[in-house]
Amino acid sequence: MSILKRVAEMMGMKQLPPLLPVGSQAPDFDVPDHLGRRVRLADLRGKRVVLWFYPKASTPG
């Protein structure tokens, strides 16, 4: 499964949304943090946000 599909699945999406153009504003979403708490992008508006993925974290190799 591709990382994009996994992220979409974590966000409760049935299919992948279209990719955003570089420099555009991200749509609101919520995902679990490393402790399992839900984090909403809307709650972080006005702050710098880094969304970090580990593509190989759950793969063999």
Protein backbone atom coordinates (compact mmCIF):
# COMPACT_ATOMS: atom_id res chain seq x y z
CA MET A 1 0.00 0.00 0.00
CA SER A 2 1.41 3.41 -0.91
CA ILE A 3 2.12 5.96 1.79
CA LEU A 4 -0.49 8.28 0.29
CA LYS A 5 -3.12 5.56 0.54
CA ARG A 6 -2.12 4.85 4.13
CA VAL A 7 -2.40 8.52 5.07
CA ALA A 8 -5.80 8.77 3.38
CA GLU A 9 -6.91 5.66 5.29
CA MET A 10 -5.67 7.13 8.61
CA MET A 11 -7.68 10.25 7.86
CA GLY A 12 -10.80 8.14 7.28
CA MET A 13 -10.90 8.84 3.54
CA LYS A 14 -12.26 6.25 1.13
CA GLN A 15 -10.13 7.50 -1.75
CA LEU A 16 -7.15 9.74 -2.32
CA PRO A 17 -7.88 13.42 -2.83
CA PRO A 18 -6.18 15.23 -5.71
CA LEU A 19 -2.68 16.50 -4.92
CA LEU A 20 -2.44 20.14 -3.87
CA PRO A 21 -0.43 22.61 -5.91
CA VAL A 22 2.83 23.72 -4.26
CA GLY A 23 2.25 26.73 -2.02
CA SER A 24 -1.49 26.17 -1.58
CA GLN A 25 -3.18 26.05 1.83
CA ALA A 26 -3.77 22.56 3.23
CA PRO A 27 -7.39 21.53 3.82
CA ASP A 28 -8.40 20.76 7.39
CA PHE A 29 -7.73 17.21 8.55
CA ASP A 30 -7.24 15.31 11.77
CA VAL A 31 -4.83 12.47 12.47
CA PRO A 32 -3.61 10.60 15.54
CA ASP A 33 -0.33 11.81 17.05
CA HIS A 34 2.37 9.47 18.40
CA LEU A 35 0.34 9.01 21.59
CA GLY A 36 -2.92 8.25 19.77
CA ARG A 37 -4.52 11.65 20.48
CA ARG A 38 -6.43 13.25 17.60
CA VAL A 39 -4.82 16.42 16.26
CA ARG A 40 -6.77 18.80 13.97
CA LEU A 41 -5.01 21.15 11.60
CA ALA A 42 -7.66 23.79 12.30
CA ASP A 43 -6.57 23.83 15.96
CA LEU A 44 -3.04 24.76 14.83
CA ARG A 45 -3.91 27.64 12.47
CA GLY A 46 -1.46 30.50 12.82
CA LYS A 47 1.30 28.18 14.07
CA ARG A 48 4.08 26.53 12.13
CA VAL A 49 3.26 22.88 11.50
CA VAL A 50 5.51 20.06 10.37
CA LEU A 51 3.78 16.89 9.23
CA TRP A 52 6.38 14.14 9.34
CA PHE A 53 5.93 10.74 7.73
CA TYR A 54 8.00 7.60 8.14
CA PRO A 55 7.22 5.75 4.90
CA LYS A 56 9.16 2.62 5.84
CA ALA A 57 8.16 2.52 9.51
CA SER A 58 5.62 -0.28 9.05
CA THR A 59 7.24 -2.13 6.17
CA PRO A 60 9.67 -5.03 6.08
CA GLY A 61 13.06 -3.73 4.96
